[in-house]
Protein backbone atom coordinates (compact mmCIF):
# COMPACT_ATOMS: atom_id res chain seq x y z
CA UNK A 1 0.20 -30.95 -5.47
CA UNK A 2 0.81 -29.24 -8.76
CA UNK A 3 4.45 -28.22 -8.76
CA UNK A 4 5.64 -25.70 -11.41
CA UNK A 5 2.56 -25.99 -13.65
CA UNK A 6 1.31 -22.87 -15.24
CA UNK A 7 -0.31 -24.62 -18.22
CA UNK A 8 -3.42 -22.82 -19.63
CA UNK A 9 -2.56 -19.61 -17.85
CA UNK A 10 -1.65 -16.45 -19.50
CA UNK A 11 1.68 -15.49 -18.55
CA UNK A 12 4.08 -12.57 -19.03
CA UNK A 13 7.69 -11.98 -18.69
CA UNK A 14 9.10 -9.62 -15.99
CA UNK A 15 12.60 -8.79 -14.89
CA UNK A 16 13.24 -8.74 -11.12
CA UNK A 17 16.21 -8.24 -9.00
CA UNK A 18 17.12 -10.72 -6.29
CA UNK A 19 19.76 -10.87 -3.65
CA UNK A 20 22.20 -13.40 -4.67
CA UNK A 21 21.44 -15.68 -1.83
CA UNK A 22 17.79 -15.65 -2.52
CA UNK A 23 18.48 -16.57 -6.21
CA UNK A 24 20.80 -19.44 -5.27
CA UNK A 25 18.32 -20.84 -2.77
CA UNK A 26 15.64 -20.81 -5.32
CA UNK A 27 17.93 -22.58 -7.91
CA UNK A 28 18.82 -25.23 -5.29
CA UNK A 29 14.94 -25.75 -4.68
CA UNK A 30 14.47 -26.26 -8.44
CA UNK A 31 17.37 -28.75 -8.67
CA UNK A 32 15.88 -30.73 -5.74
CA UNK A 33 12.62 -30.99 -7.52
CA UNK A 34 10.54 -28.51 -5.48
CA UNK A 35 9.51 -26.82 -8.77
CA UNK A 36 9.86 -27.57 -12.45
CA UNK A 37 11.64 -24.19 -13.18
CA UNK A 38 12.77 -21.15 -11.55
CA UNK A 39 9.61 -19.39 -13.06
CA UNK A 40 7.33 -21.88 -11.43
CA UNK A 41 9.22 -21.42 -8.10
CA UNK A 42 8.75 -17.82 -8.26
CA UNK A 43 5.11 -18.12 -9.23
CA UNK A 44 4.43 -20.36 -6.30
CA UNK A 45 6.18 -18.02 -3.95
CA UNK A 46 4.30 -14.91 -5.08
CA UNK A 47 1.00 -16.74 -5.08
CA UNK A 48 1.52 -17.74 -1.51
CA UNK A 49 2.62 -14.19 -0.39
CA UNK A 50 -0.55 -12.83 -2.18
CA UNK A 51 -2.84 -15.36 -0.32
CA UNK A 52 -1.07 -14.33 2.99
CA UNK A 53 -1.83 -10.75 2.16
CA UNK A 54 -5.32 -11.29 1.33
CA UNK A 55 -5.92 -13.34 4.45
CA UNK A 56 -4.28 -10.58 6.57
CA UNK A 57 -6.76 -8.11 5.02
CA UNK A 58 -9.74 -10.41 5.84
CA UNK A 59 -8.56 -10.66 9.45
CA UNK A 60 -8.32 -6.79 9.67
CA UNK A 61 -11.79 -6.69 8.21
CA UNK A 62 -13.10 -9.29 10.86
CA UNK A 63 -11.36 -7.52 13.67
CA UNK A 64 -12.94 -4.29 12.85
CA UNK A 65 -16.43 -5.98 12.61
CA UNK A 66 -16.06 -7.86 16.00
CA UNK A 67 -14.95 -4.74 17.95
CA UNK A 68 -11.10 -4.89 17.51
CA UNK A 69 -8.28 -7.00 18.68
CA UNK A 70 -8.46 -8.95 21.99
CA UNK A 71 -7.46 -7.20 25.09
CA UNK A 72 -4.39 -8.81 27.04
CA UNK A 73 -6.92 -10.20 29.50
CA UNK A 74 -8.86 -12.00 26.67
CA UNK A 75 -5.55 -13.31 25.37
CA UNK A 76 -4.57 -14.80 28.69
CA UNK A 77 -7.91 -16.25 29.05
CA UNK A 78 -7.69 -17.96 25.79
CA UNK A 79 -4.21 -19.13 26.70
CA UNK A 80 -5.52 -20.65 29.90
CA UNK A 81 -8.26 -22.40 28.13
CA UNK A 82 -5.84 -23.85 25.36
CA UNK A 83 -2.75 -24.37 27.37
CA UNK A 84 -4.06 -24.93 30.87
CA UNK A 85 -2.79 -23.09 33.84
CA UNK A 86 0.84 -21.89 33.71
CA UNK A 87 3.03 -22.75 36.83
CA UNK A 88 2.33 -19.19 38.13
CA UNK A 89 -1.46 -19.54 38.07
CA UNK A 90 -1.62 -23.10 39.32
CA UNK A 91 -2.93 -23.45 42.89
CA UNK A 92 -0.61 -25.04 45.44
């Protein structure tokens, strides 16, 4: 896994305001070696958030193409298949 590497990428400086606790947590993560720098840590966090947002949009598109979200009955059927019968649905 690449940690904190932004070599070869065009970068730009921006100023952001963070809650003090968020900043302190990020700095602790850098001290523990989770990223090479605060900039690398923030870059990784923003990349992850952007990926999740893109996946969320893709899921929305897939739901539209498939006829929408599952009904409650469909969700329960999937739960039974994956989890097996619940105590309420087991036959005695």
